[in-house]
Amino acid sequence: MSLPGLRLLEKKFEAPIRLFELKRSALEKQIERQLREFEQKRYIHLDDDLRFIRSWLAKPLAIGAVAPSSKVLARTMAQYVDPDSEGPIVELGPGTGPVTQALVQKGVDPSRLVLIEFNAAFCRLLRARYPQATVVQGDAYSLRRLLAHFLYQPAAAIVSGLPLMTKPARTRVRLITDALSLLAPGAPFVQFTYAVVSPLPGRLVGVRSEASERIWLNMPPARVWVYRRQASSIRYRGAGRIQPDF
C-alpha cells in the first residue's frame, strides 16, 4: 500500500481509536472509584494485588515486584524511622502504600509524608488513602530536581521501595548519594532488596550501613539495607570507573 493510502487508512481509524481510549479511561476511573468505595466501607485493600499485577505486566522493570510488599517487610522498613524526629519523611515508589501504612501505624503523621510515585494510577490511589500526605508523580531517580520545591529542611528519613537492582551500578550510586545529601546527618535511607548483597556496589566513605536479617515471610524473601551519612562530605570507593559527582 502506498504512503497516501496508509495515511487515509490511519485517518479512517483515528476517531474510533480515540473514542475507545476515552471510554477505556472513563471505565478505569469508574472501577477505581467503586474499588475505593468498597475499601472504605469494609476497611480492606483487597484490590492491591490486582493493581500491582496489572502494572507489573505493563512495566516489569519499573514496578520490580508482582505484588505489594508483605506486612512483615513493610514493618521492618518502618522500624528504622523515628516518628518523633523532625522534618519530612520521603517514600520512593510507595506503590499501593503498604510501607506508607506501616509508617502511619508506627506513629508518623501523614502530613509529614512526601510520596514519590511514577505510576499515575497509584498516585490517585495514594491521594485518596492519604489526603494529608504530599503525593508527587515523577521519576524518583531524578530525586534532587523532583524534591526541589517540596523539601525546605533536611529529611528525617527516606524509605525506598524502588527496584534498584534492575538499574546500572552508576544509577544506584547516584540515587543513594542524592538521597543522603537530602537527609539530616545520621538520618536513615532505607532500601529493601531481594538480592543477597547490598544494592550499593562498592563503598561510600563517610556512610555507615547495616542490614536486617533475611525476611523469609516475604515472597520472594527480602532484606532491608539502611545507610546513614556520618560526615559532611561523601566519597565513593567502588569497582570499575564509576565516578558520580556529588
Protein backbone atom coordinates (compact mmCIF):
# COMPACT_ATOMS: atom_id res chain seq x y z
CA MET A 1 0.00 0.00 0.00
CA SER A 2 1.27 3.47 -0.89
CA LEU A 3 2.09 6.12 1.72
CA PRO A 4 -1.00 8.23 0.88
CA GLY A 5 -3.13 5.08 1.20
CA LEU A 6 -1.65 4.33 4.64
CA ARG A 7 -2.38 7.88 5.76
CA LEU A 8 -6.01 7.61 4.62
CA LEU A 9 -6.35 4.29 6.46
CA GLU A 10 -4.80 5.79 9.59
CA LYS A 11 -7.17 8.76 9.41
CA LYS A 12 -10.15 6.42 8.99
CA PHE A 13 -9.37 4.61 12.25
CA GLU A 14 -8.20 7.67 14.19
CA ALA A 15 -11.63 8.67 15.52
CA PRO A 16 -12.72 5.14 16.62
CA ILE A 17 -9.39 4.62 18.40
CA ARG A 18 -9.70 7.96 20.23
CA LEU A 19 -13.27 7.09 21.24
CA PHE A 20 -12.10 3.69 22.50
CA GLU A 21 -9.34 5.31 24.60
CA LEU A 22 -11.79 7.79 26.11
CA LYS A 23 -14.25 5.01 27.00
CA ARG A 24 -11.46 2.87 28.49
CA SER A 25 -10.20 5.78 30.60
CA ALA A 26 -13.71 6.53 31.86
CA LEU A 27 -14.26 2.84 32.69
CA GLU A 28 -10.94 2.62 34.58
CA LYS A 29 -11.86 5.70 36.65
CA GLN A 30 -15.27 4.22 37.40
CA ILE A 31 -13.70 0.94 38.54
CA GLU A 32 -11.15 2.81 40.69
CA ARG A 33 -13.95 4.82 42.33
CA GLN A 34 -16.02 1.71 43.03
CA LEU A 35 -12.99 -0.08 44.48
CA ARG A 36 -12.23 2.88 46.78
CA GLU A 37 -15.85 2.94 47.99
CA PHE A 38 -15.69 -0.82 48.58
CA GLU A 39 -12.44 -0.43 50.56
CA GLN A 40 -13.75 2.45 52.67
CA LYS A 41 -16.91 0.55 53.63
CA ARG A 42 -15.01 -2.61 54.60
CA TYR A 43 -11.63 -1.15 55.65
CA ILE A 44 -9.73 -3.53 53.38
CA HIS A 45 -7.38 -3.26 50.42
CA LEU A 46 -8.19 -6.49 48.55
CA ASP A 47 -7.53 -4.95 45.14
CA ASP A 48 -3.86 -4.06 45.72
CA ASP A 49 -2.53 -7.35 44.37
CA LEU A 50 -4.61 -6.90 41.22
CA ARG A 51 -3.34 -3.36 40.70
CA PHE A 52 0.24 -4.45 41.20
CA ILE A 53 -0.02 -7.39 38.82
CA ARG A 54 -1.62 -5.22 36.13
CA SER A 55 1.12 -2.58 36.45
CA TRP A 56 3.89 -5.18 36.58
CA LEU A 57 2.68 -6.83 33.38
CA ALA A 58 2.81 -3.43 31.66
CA LYS A 59 6.26 -2.38 33.00
CA PRO A 60 8.00 -5.16 34.96
CA LEU A 61 11.34 -3.35 35.38
CA ALA A 62 9.66 -0.18 36.62
CA ILE A 63 7.49 -1.94 39.22
CA GLY A 64 10.08 -4.52 40.29
CA ALA A 65 7.61 -6.84 42.04
CA VAL A 66 4.46 -8.73 41.16
CA ALA A 67 2.77 -7.97 44.50
CA PRO A 68 2.91 -5.30 47.20
CA SER A 69 5.46 -5.71 49.98
CA SER A 70 4.29 -8.00 52.76
CA LYS A 71 3.28 -6.57 56.12
CA VAL A 72 6.40 -8.09 57.68
CA LEU A 73 8.70 -6.37 55.17
CA ALA A 74 6.77 -3.09 55.48
CA ARG A 75 7.02 -3.16 59.28
CA THR A 76 10.73 -3.96 59.09
CA MET A 77 11.34 -0.93 56.87
CA ALA A 78 9.20 1.32 59.08
CA GLN A 79 11.02 0.30 62.25
CA TYR A 80 14.11 2.26 61.13
CA VAL A 81 12.11 5.52 61.04
CA ASP A 82 11.74 7.58 64.21
CA PRO A 83 8.21 9.07 64.27
CA ASP A 84 9.35 11.71 66.79
CA SER A 85 12.14 13.04 64.56
CA GLU A 86 11.82 16.45 62.91
CA GLY A 87 11.42 17.02 59.19
CA PRO A 88 9.61 15.39 56.29
CA ILE A 89 9.73 11.68 55.61
CA VAL A 90 10.11 10.77 51.94
CA GLU A 91 8.98 7.48 50.42
CA LEU A 92 10.20 6.46 46.97
CA GLY A 93 8.00 4.13 44.95
CA PRO A 94 5.22 3.58 47.52
CA GLY A 95 3.03 1.72 45.01
CA THR A 96 -0.30 0.97 46.68
CA GLY A 97 1.07 2.05 50.06
CA PRO A 98 1.92 -0.98 52.26
CA VAL A 99 5.03 0.72 53.65
CA THR A 100 3.15 4.01 53.89
CA GLN A 101 0.55 2.27 56.03
CA ALA A 102 3.27 0.76 58.23
CA LEU A 103 4.81 4.22 58.74
CA VAL A 104 1.45 5.70 59.76
CA GLN A 105 0.78 2.76 62.10
CA LYS A 106 4.18 3.36 63.68
CA GLY A 107 3.08 6.89 64.54
CA VAL A 108 4.27 9.01 61.62
CA ASP A 109 1.94 11.96 60.98
CA PRO A 110 0.64 11.55 57.39
CA SER A 111 1.11 15.30 56.80
CA ARG A 112 4.88 14.74 57.07
CA LEU A 113 4.91 12.20 54.24
CA VAL A 114 6.19 13.07 50.77
CA LEU A 115 5.32 10.16 48.47
CA ILE A 116 7.09 9.98 45.11
CA GLU A 117 5.39 7.61 42.69
CA PHE A 118 5.78 7.26 38.92
CA ASN A 119 2.57 5.32 38.26
CA ALA A 120 -0.40 7.67 37.75
CA ALA A 121 -2.99 5.13 38.96
CA PHE A 122 -1.03 4.52 42.16
CA CYS A 123 -0.79 8.31 42.69
CA ARG A 124 -4.57 8.62 42.54
CA LEU A 125 -4.92 5.76 44.99
CA LEU A 126 -2.38 7.26 47.42
CA ARG A 127 -4.08 10.68 47.33
CA ALA A 128 -7.40 9.02 48.18
CA ARG A 129 -5.95 6.97 51.04
CA TYR A 130 -3.61 9.60 52.48
CA PRO A 131 -5.13 13.01 51.67
CA GLN A 132 -2.85 14.76 54.16
CA ALA A 133 0.32 13.46 52.51
CA THR A 134 2.10 15.17 49.63
CA VAL A 135 1.98 12.88 46.59
CA VAL A 136 4.43 13.75 43.80
CA GLN A 137 4.14 11.99 40.45
CA GLY A 138 7.57 11.68 38.86
CA ASP A 139 10.78 9.73 38.40
CA ALA A 140 12.45 9.16 41.76
CA TYR A 141 15.78 8.65 40.00
CA SER A 142 15.77 12.44 39.44
CA LEU A 143 15.44 12.95 43.17
CA ARG A 144 17.08 16.33 43.74
CA ARG A 145 15.22 18.03 40.90
CA LEU A 146 11.93 16.41 41.86
CA LEU A 147 12.11 17.48 45.52
CA ALA A 148 13.47 20.98 44.91
CA HIS A 149 10.07 22.56 45.64
CA PHE A 150 8.89 20.13 48.32
CA LEU A 151 11.77 19.92 50.83
CA TYR A 152 12.50 23.05 52.84
CA GLN A 153 14.58 21.29 55.50
CA PRO A 154 16.62 18.08 55.65
CA ALA A 155 14.51 14.94 55.53
CA ALA A 156 14.16 12.86 58.68
CA ALA A 157 14.16 9.63 56.64
CA ILE A 158 13.93 8.37 53.08
CA VAL A 159 12.31 4.97 52.58
CA SER A 160 12.68 3.34 49.18
CA GLY A 161 10.73 0.57 47.50
CA LEU A 162 12.43 1.13 44.15
CA PRO A 163 13.77 -1.90 42.25
CA LEU A 164 17.38 -0.70 42.49
CA MET A 165 18.97 -3.97 41.40
CA THR A 166 17.35 -3.63 37.96
CA LYS A 167 19.36 -0.44 37.41
CA PRO A 168 23.03 0.01 36.39
CA ALA A 169 25.54 0.49 39.20
CA ARG A 170 26.05 4.16 38.30
CA THR A 171 22.31 4.86 38.65
CA ARG A 172 22.17 3.13 42.03
CA VAL A 173 25.12 5.09 43.37
CA ARG A 174 23.66 8.35 42.10
CA LEU A 175 20.28 7.73 43.73
CA ILE A 176 21.74 6.78 47.11
CA THR A 177 24.20 9.70 47.20
CA ASP A 178 21.44 12.12 46.16
CA ALA A 179 19.18 10.71 48.88
CA LEU A 180 21.88 11.02 51.53
CA SER A 181 22.52 14.64 50.54
CA LEU A 182 18.86 15.43 51.30
CA LEU A 183 18.93 13.79 54.73
CA ALA A 184 19.98 15.20 58.08
CA PRO A 185 23.27 13.64 59.29
CA GLY A 186 22.51 10.27 60.87
CA ALA A 187 19.03 10.06 59.32
CA PRO A 188 18.31 6.75 57.55
CA PHE A 189 17.98 5.92 53.89
CA VAL A 190 16.04 2.64 53.98
CA GLN A 191 16.06 0.33 50.95
CA PHE A 192 14.78 -3.21 50.54
CA THR A 193 16.20 -5.72 48.08
CA TYR A 194 15.59 -9.32 47.05
CA ALA A 195 19.33 -9.72 46.39
CA VAL A 196 21.74 -11.23 48.89
CA VAL A 197 24.22 -8.36 48.56
CA SER A 198 23.86 -4.64 49.19
CA PRO A 199 22.20 -2.58 46.44
CA LEU A 200 25.18 -0.25 46.67
CA PRO A 201 28.15 -1.53 44.62
CA GLY A 202 31.37 -0.62 46.41
CA ARG A 203 31.55 1.63 49.46
CA LEU A 204 30.67 5.19 50.38
CA VAL A 205 33.28 6.73 52.68
CA GLY A 206 31.52 8.72 55.40
CA VAL A 207 28.45 6.47 55.32
CA ARG A 208 27.52 3.71 57.75
CA SER A 209 25.42 0.81 56.53
CA GLU A 210 23.55 -2.02 58.22
CA ALA A 211 21.29 -4.83 57.05
CA SER A 212 18.34 -6.65 58.55
CA GLU A 213 18.03 -10.40 58.79
CA ARG A 214 16.63 -12.15 55.73
CA ILE A 215 12.82 -11.75 55.76
CA TRP A 216 11.69 -15.21 54.74
CA LEU A 217 7.98 -14.47 55.19
CA ASN A 218 8.10 -12.06 52.26
CA MET A 219 7.67 -13.52 48.78
CA PRO A 220 10.28 -13.54 47.44
CA PRO A 221 12.46 -13.31 50.58
CA ALA A 222 13.94 -9.84 51.06
CA ARG A 223 16.44 -7.91 53.16
CA VAL A 224 16.42 -4.29 54.29
CA TRP A 225 19.56 -2.15 53.99
CA VAL A 226 19.97 1.13 55.87
CA TYR A 227 22.53 3.82 55.03
CA ARG A 228 23.33 6.81 57.26
CA ARG A 229 25.51 9.79 56.43
CA GLN A 230 28.04 10.46 59.17
CA ALA A 231 30.20 13.10 57.50
CA SER A 232 29.59 16.37 55.65
CA SER A 233 31.28 15.02 52.52
CA ILE A 234 30.94 11.59 50.92
CA ARG A 235 33.44 9.82 48.68
CA TYR A 236 32.73 6.71 46.66
CA ARG A 237 35.07 3.72 46.54
CA GLY A 238 33.89 1.08 44.13
CA ALA A 239 34.89 -1.13 41.28
CA GLY A 240 35.14 -0.01 37.68
CA ARG A 241 35.08 3.60 36.55
CA ILE A 242 32.02 4.85 38.40
CA GLN A 243 32.70 8.48 39.24
CA PRO A 244 29.48 10.16 40.42
CA ASP A 245 29.78 13.89 41.06
CA PHE A 246 28.46 14.80 44.48
